[in-house]
Amino acid sequence: MVDSPMVERDLPVWIVPFSILVIATILFSVKIFEEDGLPRYRALRAERETMEERNARLRARVQELRREVRALREDPETIERVARDELGLIRRGEFVFQFDAREIATLTEPSID
């Protein structure tokens, strides 16, 4: 029997899957620890958590504003408060007394006699 140039070698059956596993492990490790790998993942996860917290605060603010809008549309006491405080309106027959803060301070200071 003459050996031909294409001689089959008897390789163990496990050598090919093991080689693929080793190469995959090395490539996976390199990908994880490069700049766009694990550090970027952690930064993006932290950014997502920050955005979720911000969204929760904004949702709460939106709910608060919706309650305020509902009160401004439907609650007579709220409407009156806004009319008085922000628009300076008064009811018919009411009088507004305005005092200068400096005059009040001089009136309330104890006198030295």
N, C-alpha and C. Protein backbone atom coordinates (compact mmCIF):
# COMPACT_ATOMS: atom_id res chain seq x y z
N MET A 1 0.81 -1.15 0.00
CA MET A 1 0.00 0.00 0.00
C MET A 1 0.87 1.24 0.00
N VAL A 2 0.58 2.10 -0.90
CA VAL A 2 1.37 3.32 -1.05
C VAL A 2 0.59 4.46 -0.39
N ASP A 3 1.33 5.26 0.36
CA ASP A 3 0.68 6.41 1.00
C ASP A 3 0.45 7.49 -0.03
N SER A 4 -0.74 7.93 -0.10
CA SER A 4 -1.06 9.01 -1.02
C SER A 4 -0.79 10.34 -0.33
N PRO A 5 -0.73 11.46 -1.10
CA PRO A 5 -0.46 12.75 -0.48
C PRO A 5 -1.57 13.18 0.47
N MET A 6 -2.77 12.69 0.30
CA MET A 6 -3.88 13.07 1.17
C MET A 6 -4.09 11.96 2.19
N VAL A 7 -3.36 12.04 3.25
CA VAL A 7 -3.45 11.03 4.29
C VAL A 7 -4.34 11.58 5.39
N GLU A 8 -5.32 10.80 5.78
CA GLU A 8 -6.19 11.20 6.88
C GLU A 8 -5.48 10.91 8.18
N ARG A 9 -5.56 11.91 9.02
CA ARG A 9 -4.99 11.71 10.35
C ARG A 9 -6.12 11.36 11.29
N ASP A 10 -5.81 10.61 12.21
CA ASP A 10 -6.82 10.25 13.20
C ASP A 10 -6.81 11.31 14.30
N LEU A 11 -7.73 12.29 14.18
CA LEU A 11 -7.88 13.32 15.21
C LEU A 11 -9.00 12.90 16.14
N PRO A 12 -8.83 13.22 17.40
CA PRO A 12 -9.93 12.92 18.32
C PRO A 12 -11.18 13.71 17.90
N VAL A 13 -12.31 13.17 18.14
CA VAL A 13 -13.58 13.78 17.74
C VAL A 13 -13.82 15.09 18.48
N TRP A 14 -13.35 15.24 19.67
CA TRP A 14 -13.62 16.41 20.49
C TRP A 14 -12.74 17.61 20.15
N ILE A 15 -11.72 17.46 19.33
CA ILE A 15 -10.76 18.53 19.08
C ILE A 15 -11.40 19.72 18.33
N VAL A 16 -12.27 19.48 17.39
CA VAL A 16 -12.88 20.58 16.62
C VAL A 16 -13.84 21.38 17.50
N PRO A 17 -14.78 20.77 18.20
CA PRO A 17 -15.65 21.57 19.08
C PRO A 17 -14.87 22.30 20.17
N PHE A 18 -13.85 21.65 20.70
CA PHE A 18 -13.04 22.29 21.73
C PHE A 18 -12.31 23.51 21.16
N SER A 19 -11.77 23.40 19.96
CA SER A 19 -11.08 24.51 19.32
C SER A 19 -12.03 25.67 19.07
N ILE A 20 -13.23 25.37 18.62
CA ILE A 20 -14.23 26.42 18.39
C ILE A 20 -14.58 27.10 19.71
N LEU A 21 -14.73 26.33 20.76
CA LEU A 21 -15.04 26.88 22.08
C LEU A 21 -13.93 27.80 22.57
N VAL A 22 -12.68 27.39 22.41
CA VAL A 22 -11.54 28.21 22.85
C VAL A 22 -11.50 29.51 22.06
N ILE A 23 -11.64 29.44 20.76
CA ILE A 23 -11.61 30.65 19.91
C ILE A 23 -12.77 31.57 20.27
N ALA A 24 -13.95 31.01 20.46
CA ALA A 24 -15.12 31.83 20.81
C ALA A 24 -14.92 32.50 22.16
N THR A 25 -14.35 31.79 23.11
CA THR A 25 -14.09 32.37 24.43
C THR A 25 -13.11 33.52 24.35
N ILE A 26 -12.07 33.36 23.57
CA ILE A 26 -11.07 34.43 23.40
C ILE A 26 -11.70 35.64 22.73
N LEU A 27 -12.45 35.43 21.66
CA LEU A 27 -13.09 36.55 20.96
C LEU A 27 -14.12 37.25 21.84
N PHE A 28 -14.88 36.47 22.59
CA PHE A 28 -15.88 37.04 23.49
C PHE A 28 -15.20 37.89 24.56
N SER A 29 -14.10 37.41 25.12
CA SER A 29 -13.37 38.17 26.14
C SER A 29 -12.83 39.47 25.57
N VAL A 30 -12.29 39.41 24.38
CA VAL A 30 -11.76 40.62 23.75
C VAL A 30 -12.88 41.62 23.52
N LYS A 31 -14.02 41.17 23.02
CA LYS A 31 -15.15 42.06 22.74
C LYS A 31 -15.70 42.68 24.02
N ILE A 32 -15.75 41.91 25.08
CA ILE A 32 -16.29 42.44 26.33
C ILE A 32 -15.42 43.55 26.88
N PHE A 33 -14.13 43.36 26.88
CA PHE A 33 -13.25 44.31 27.55
C PHE A 33 -12.73 45.42 26.67
N GLU A 34 -13.10 45.45 25.42
CA GLU A 34 -12.69 46.59 24.61
C GLU A 34 -13.60 47.77 24.94
N GLU A 35 -13.27 48.93 24.42
CA GLU A 35 -13.96 50.18 24.77
C GLU A 35 -15.46 50.12 24.51
N ASP A 36 -15.88 49.48 23.46
CA ASP A 36 -17.31 49.40 23.15
C ASP A 36 -17.98 48.19 23.78
N GLY A 37 -17.31 47.52 24.65
CA GLY A 37 -17.86 46.31 25.26
C GLY A 37 -18.50 46.59 26.60
N LEU A 38 -18.00 45.95 27.62
CA LEU A 38 -18.57 46.02 28.96
C LEU A 38 -18.60 47.44 29.54
N PRO A 39 -17.53 48.23 29.39
CA PRO A 39 -17.61 49.60 29.93
C PRO A 39 -18.74 50.41 29.29
N ARG A 40 -18.91 50.27 28.00
CA ARG A 40 -19.99 51.00 27.32
C ARG A 40 -21.35 50.48 27.78
N TYR A 41 -21.46 49.18 27.96
CA TYR A 41 -22.71 48.60 28.44
C TYR A 41 -23.07 49.16 29.83
N ARG A 42 -22.08 49.22 30.71
CA ARG A 42 -22.33 49.75 32.05
C ARG A 42 -22.72 51.23 32.00
N ALA A 43 -22.05 51.99 31.15
CA ALA A 43 -22.39 53.41 31.02
C ALA A 43 -23.81 53.58 30.48
N LEU A 44 -24.16 52.79 29.49
CA LEU A 44 -25.51 52.88 28.93
C LEU A 44 -26.57 52.44 29.94
N ARG A 45 -26.26 51.43 30.73
CA ARG A 45 -27.21 50.98 31.75
C ARG A 45 -27.41 52.07 32.80
N ALA A 46 -26.33 52.73 33.21
CA ALA A 46 -26.45 53.82 34.18
C ALA A 46 -27.24 54.98 33.59
N GLU A 47 -27.00 55.28 32.33
CA GLU A 47 -27.74 56.35 31.67
C GLU A 47 -29.23 56.00 31.58
N ARG A 48 -29.53 54.74 31.28
CA ARG A 48 -30.93 54.31 31.22
C ARG A 48 -31.62 54.46 32.57
N GLU A 49 -30.92 54.09 33.64
CA GLU A 49 -31.49 54.23 34.98
C GLU A 49 -31.76 55.69 35.30
N THR A 50 -30.82 56.57 34.92
CA THR A 50 -31.00 58.00 35.14
C THR A 50 -32.22 58.51 34.37
N MET A 51 -32.36 58.07 33.13
CA MET A 51 -33.50 58.49 32.32
C MET A 51 -34.82 57.97 32.88
N GLU A 52 -34.81 56.74 33.40
CA GLU A 52 -36.03 56.19 34.00
C GLU A 52 -36.43 56.97 35.24
N GLU A 53 -35.45 57.37 36.06
CA GLU A 53 -35.75 58.19 37.24
C GLU A 53 -36.30 59.55 36.82
N ARG A 54 -35.68 60.14 35.81
CA ARG A 54 -36.15 61.44 35.31
C ARG A 54 -37.57 61.32 34.75
N ASN A 55 -37.83 60.25 34.02
CA ASN A 55 -39.18 60.04 33.48
C ASN A 55 -40.20 59.89 34.59
N ALA A 56 -39.83 59.20 35.66
CA ALA A 56 -40.75 59.03 36.79
C ALA A 56 -41.06 60.39 37.43
N ARG A 57 -40.02 61.23 37.59
CA ARG A 57 -40.26 62.57 38.15
C ARG A 57 -41.15 63.39 37.22
N LEU A 58 -40.90 63.29 35.92
CA LEU A 58 -41.71 64.04 34.97
C LEU A 58 -43.16 63.54 34.94
N ARG A 59 -43.35 62.23 35.05
CA ARG A 59 -44.72 61.70 35.10
C ARG A 59 -45.46 62.24 36.33
N ALA A 60 -44.76 62.29 37.46
CA ALA A 60 -45.37 62.82 38.68
C ALA A 60 -45.72 64.29 38.50
N ARG A 61 -44.84 65.04 37.86
CA ARG A 61 -45.09 66.47 37.61
C ARG A 61 -46.28 66.65 36.68
N VAL A 62 -46.38 65.81 35.66
CA VAL A 62 -47.51 65.88 34.73
C VAL A 62 -48.82 65.61 35.48
N GLN A 63 -48.82 64.62 36.37
CA GLN A 63 -50.02 64.34 37.16
C GLN A 63 -50.40 65.53 38.04
N GLU A 64 -49.38 66.14 38.63
CA GLU A 64 -49.61 67.31 39.47
C GLU A 64 -50.21 68.45 38.64
N LEU A 65 -49.68 68.68 37.46
CA LEU A 65 -50.20 69.73 36.59
C LEU A 65 -51.62 69.41 36.11
N ARG A 66 -51.89 68.15 35.86
CA ARG A 66 -53.26 67.77 35.45
C ARG A 66 -54.26 68.05 36.58
N ARG A 67 -53.86 67.74 37.82
CA ARG A 67 -54.75 68.05 38.96
C ARG A 67 -54.97 69.55 39.06
N GLU A 68 -53.90 70.32 38.86
CA GLU A 68 -54.02 71.77 38.93
C GLU A 68 -54.93 72.31 37.83
N VAL A 69 -54.79 71.80 36.62
CA VAL A 69 -55.65 72.22 35.51
C VAL A 69 -57.10 71.87 35.81
N ARG A 70 -57.34 70.66 36.32
CA ARG A 70 -58.71 70.25 36.66
C ARG A 70 -59.29 71.18 37.71
N ALA A 71 -58.48 71.53 38.72
CA ALA A 71 -58.95 72.43 39.77
C ALA A 71 -59.23 73.81 39.20
N LEU A 72 -58.40 74.29 38.30
CA LEU A 72 -58.62 75.61 37.70
C LEU A 72 -59.87 75.63 36.84
N ARG A 73 -60.24 74.50 36.29
CA ARG A 73 -61.44 74.44 35.45
C ARG A 73 -62.71 74.22 36.27
N GLU A 74 -62.60 73.47 37.38
CA GLU A 74 -63.81 72.99 38.05
C GLU A 74 -64.01 73.50 39.48
N ASP A 75 -62.95 73.82 40.20
CA ASP A 75 -63.06 74.16 41.62
C ASP A 75 -63.22 75.67 41.80
N PRO A 76 -64.37 76.13 42.31
CA PRO A 76 -64.59 77.57 42.47
C PRO A 76 -63.60 78.22 43.44
N GLU A 77 -63.19 77.50 44.49
CA GLU A 77 -62.24 78.08 45.45
C GLU A 77 -60.88 78.32 44.80
N THR A 78 -60.45 77.39 43.97
CA THR A 78 -59.17 77.56 43.26
C THR A 78 -59.26 78.72 42.29
N ILE A 79 -60.37 78.81 41.58
CA ILE A 79 -60.55 79.90 40.62
C ILE A 79 -60.52 81.24 41.35
N GLU A 80 -61.19 81.32 42.50
CA GLU A 80 -61.19 82.56 43.27
C GLU A 80 -59.79 82.90 43.78
N ARG A 81 -59.07 81.89 44.27
CA ARG A 81 -57.71 82.14 44.77
C ARG A 81 -56.82 82.71 43.68
N VAL A 82 -56.89 82.12 42.48
CA VAL A 82 -56.07 82.61 41.37
C VAL A 82 -56.49 84.02 40.99
N ALA A 83 -57.80 84.27 40.94
CA ALA A 83 -58.29 85.60 40.59
C ALA A 83 -57.81 86.64 41.60
N ARG A 84 -57.81 86.30 42.86
CA ARG A 84 -57.36 87.24 43.88
C ARG A 84 -55.84 87.40 43.91
N ASP A 85 -55.14 86.26 43.98
CA ASP A 85 -53.69 86.31 44.19
C ASP A 85 -52.92 86.73 42.94
N GLU A 86 -53.30 86.18 41.81
CA GLU A 86 -52.50 86.42 40.61
C GLU A 86 -53.03 87.55 39.73
N LEU A 87 -54.34 87.75 39.78
CA LEU A 87 -54.91 88.79 38.93
C LEU A 87 -55.29 90.05 39.70
N GLY A 88 -55.27 89.98 41.03
CA GLY A 88 -55.56 91.15 41.86
C GLY A 88 -57.03 91.54 41.85
N LEU A 89 -57.92 90.63 41.55
CA LEU A 89 -59.34 90.93 41.51
C LEU A 89 -59.95 90.85 42.91
N ILE A 90 -61.03 91.61 43.12
CA ILE A 90 -61.75 91.58 44.38
C ILE A 90 -63.24 91.47 44.08
N ARG A 91 -63.99 91.09 45.10
CA ARG A 91 -65.44 91.02 44.95
C ARG A 91 -66.05 92.41 45.08
N ARG A 92 -67.22 92.53 44.51
CA ARG A 92 -67.94 93.80 44.61
C ARG A 92 -68.22 94.06 46.09
N GLY A 93 -67.93 95.28 46.52
CA GLY A 93 -68.17 95.66 47.90
C GLY A 93 -66.97 95.43 48.81
N GLU A 94 -65.92 94.81 48.33
CA GLU A 94 -64.73 94.60 49.14
C GLU A 94 -63.77 95.77 48.97
N PHE A 95 -62.94 95.97 49.97
CA PHE A 95 -61.94 97.02 49.91
C PHE A 95 -60.56 96.37 50.06
N VAL A 96 -59.58 96.94 49.41
CA VAL A 96 -58.22 96.44 49.49
C VAL A 96 -57.39 97.51 50.20
N PHE A 97 -56.74 97.10 51.25
CA PHE A 97 -55.84 97.99 51.98
C PHE A 97 -54.42 97.54 51.69
N GLN A 98 -53.64 98.47 51.20
CA GLN A 98 -52.23 98.15 50.93
C GLN A 98 -51.37 98.96 51.87
N PHE A 99 -50.41 98.26 52.44
CA PHE A 99 -49.52 98.92 53.40
C PHE A 99 -48.10 98.78 52.91
N ASP A 100 -47.33 99.80 53.14
CA ASP A 100 -45.92 99.78 52.82
C ASP A 100 -45.20 99.00 53.92
N ALA A 101 -44.37 98.08 53.56
CA ALA A 101 -43.68 97.23 54.54
C ALA A 101 -42.82 98.06 55.47
N ARG A 102 -42.23 99.16 54.99
CA ARG A 102 -41.40 100.00 55.86
C ARG A 102 -42.24 100.71 56.92
N GLU A 103 -43.46 101.13 56.52
CA GLU A 103 -44.33 101.80 57.50
C GLU A 103 -44.76 100.80 58.58
N ILE A 104 -45.05 99.57 58.17
CA ILE A 104 -45.46 98.56 59.16
C ILE A 104 -44.31 98.30 60.11
N ALA A 105 -43.10 98.26 59.61
CA ALA A 105 -41.93 98.01 60.45
C ALA A 105 -41.77 99.13 61.47
N THR A 106 -41.97 100.37 61.06
CA THR A 106 -41.80 101.48 62.02
C THR A 106 -42.92 101.49 63.04
N LEU A 107 -44.10 101.03 62.67
CA LEU A 107 -45.21 101.01 63.62
C LEU A 107 -45.06 99.90 64.65
N THR A 108 -44.41 98.83 64.28
CA THR A 108 -44.29 97.70 65.20
C THR A 108 -43.02 97.73 66.02
N GLU A 109 -42.08 98.65 65.73
CA GLU A 109 -40.84 98.73 66.51
C GLU A 109 -41.15 99.30 67.88
N PRO A 110 -40.53 98.73 68.89
CA PRO A 110 -40.75 99.31 70.23
C PRO A 110 -40.11 100.70 70.31
N SER A 111 -40.82 101.61 70.87
CA SER A 111 -40.29 102.98 70.99
C SER A 111 -39.47 103.10 72.27
N ILE A 112 -38.46 103.89 72.19
CA ILE A 112 -37.61 104.13 73.36
C ILE A 112 -37.97 105.48 73.91
N ASP A 113 -38.72 105.47 75.00
CA ASP A 113 -39.15 106.75 75.62
C ASP A 113 -38.57 106.89 76.98
